[in-house]
C-alpha cells in the first residue's frame, strides 16, 4: 500500500488507527511490518485481518475493506 494510506482495525467495539509510512504501519508509537501481526497485537487475539481491516488510500474520500484491494491486485495480475 502506498505511503500515507490510513488503516484501521475495528474489533469488539474498539478501533485502532494508523498509517503506512516508510513501509511500516504506524499506530501510536508502535510500528509493524506485517499487518497480520499488528492486527493481532492491537486486538489482543488472532483475527482474520481481511475481515477486520479497512484502508483509505491518499486522495480517497472513503474507507474500503482491505479485502477489496486484495481482489483488485489479483485481477491486475491475471491481465
Protein backbone atom coordinates (compact mmCIF):
# COMPACT_ATOMS: atom_id res chain seq x y z
CA UNK A 1 0.00 0.00 0.00
CA UNK A 2 1.31 3.49 -0.73
CA UNK A 3 2.76 5.76 1.94
CA UNK A 4 0.08 7.87 3.56
CA UNK A 5 -2.54 5.14 3.35
CA UNK A 6 -4.63 5.23 6.51
CA UNK A 7 -5.52 1.89 8.09
CA UNK A 8 -7.90 0.92 10.83
CA UNK A 9 -8.89 -2.23 12.64
CA UNK A 10 -12.30 -2.40 14.27
CA UNK A 11 -12.91 -5.25 16.69
CA UNK A 12 -15.10 -5.78 19.72
CA UNK A 13 -16.20 -2.14 19.87
CA UNK A 14 -12.67 -0.74 19.63
CA UNK A 15 -11.00 0.96 16.67
CA UNK A 16 -7.24 1.19 16.13
CA UNK A 17 -6.00 3.74 13.61
CA UNK A 18 -2.64 4.18 11.94
CA UNK A 19 -0.96 4.97 8.65
CA UNK A 20 1.56 3.43 6.27
CA UNK A 21 4.88 5.29 6.38
CA UNK A 22 8.24 4.06 5.05
CA UNK A 23 6.94 0.52 4.66
CA UNK A 24 5.57 0.24 8.20
CA UNK A 25 2.13 0.51 9.71
CA UNK A 26 2.49 3.13 12.44
CA UNK A 27 0.00 3.04 15.30
CA UNK A 28 0.72 5.49 18.11
CA UNK A 29 4.39 4.78 18.87
CA UNK A 30 4.38 1.17 17.65
CA UNK A 31 5.42 0.20 14.15
CA UNK A 32 4.60 -3.04 12.40
CA UNK A 33 6.00 -4.58 9.24
CA UNK A 34 3.18 -7.09 8.80
CA UNK A 35 -0.45 -6.10 9.05
CA UNK A 36 -1.41 -9.52 10.40
CA UNK A 37 0.96 -9.12 13.35
CA UNK A 38 -0.35 -5.60 14.00
CA UNK A 39 -3.97 -6.73 13.87
CA UNK A 40 -3.40 -9.50 16.41
CA UNK A 41 -1.26 -7.31 18.69
CA UNK A 42 -3.77 -4.47 18.74
CA UNK A 43 -6.88 -6.62 19.17
CA UNK A 44 -5.25 -8.98 21.67
CA UNK A 45 -6.43 -12.04 19.76
CA UNK A 46 -5.62 -13.68 16.45
CA UNK A 47 -8.03 -12.34 13.84
CA UNK A 48 -8.63 -12.73 10.16
CA UNK A 49 -7.43 -9.28 9.17
CA UNK A 50 -9.10 -9.49 5.79
CA UNK A 51 -12.37 -9.11 7.67
CA UNK A 52 -11.47 -6.50 10.30
CA UNK A 53 -9.13 -4.10 8.46
CA UNK A 54 -10.08 -1.12 6.33
CA UNK A 55 -7.91 1.27 4.33
CA UNK A 56 -8.19 4.76 2.95
CA UNK A 57 -5.57 5.48 0.30
CA UNK A 58 -4.28 9.03 -0.22
CA UNK A 59 -6.79 11.07 -2.19
CA UNK A 60 -9.71 8.74 -1.46
CA UNK A 61 -12.76 10.03 0.35
CA UNK A 62 -13.95 6.75 1.84
CA UNK A 63 -12.73 3.74 3.77
CA UNK A 64 -12.75 0.37 2.00
CA UNK A 65 -12.40 -3.15 3.34
CA UNK A 66 -8.82 -4.24 2.74
CA UNK A 67 -10.13 -7.40 1.06
CA UNK A 68 -11.24 -5.20 -1.88
CA UNK A 69 -7.60 -4.26 -2.52
CA UNK A 70 -6.63 -7.92 -2.49
CA UNK A 71 -9.24 -8.65 -5.18
CA UNK A 72 -8.07 -5.73 -7.34
CA UNK A 73 -4.42 -6.82 -7.18
CA UNK A 74 -5.37 -10.37 -8.15
CA UNK A 75 -7.33 -9.08 -11.16
CA UNK A 76 -4.40 -6.95 -12.34
CA UNK A 77 -2.03 -9.93 -12.14
CA UNK A 78 -4.32 -12.01 -14.37
CA UNK A 79 -4.24 -9.41 -17.17
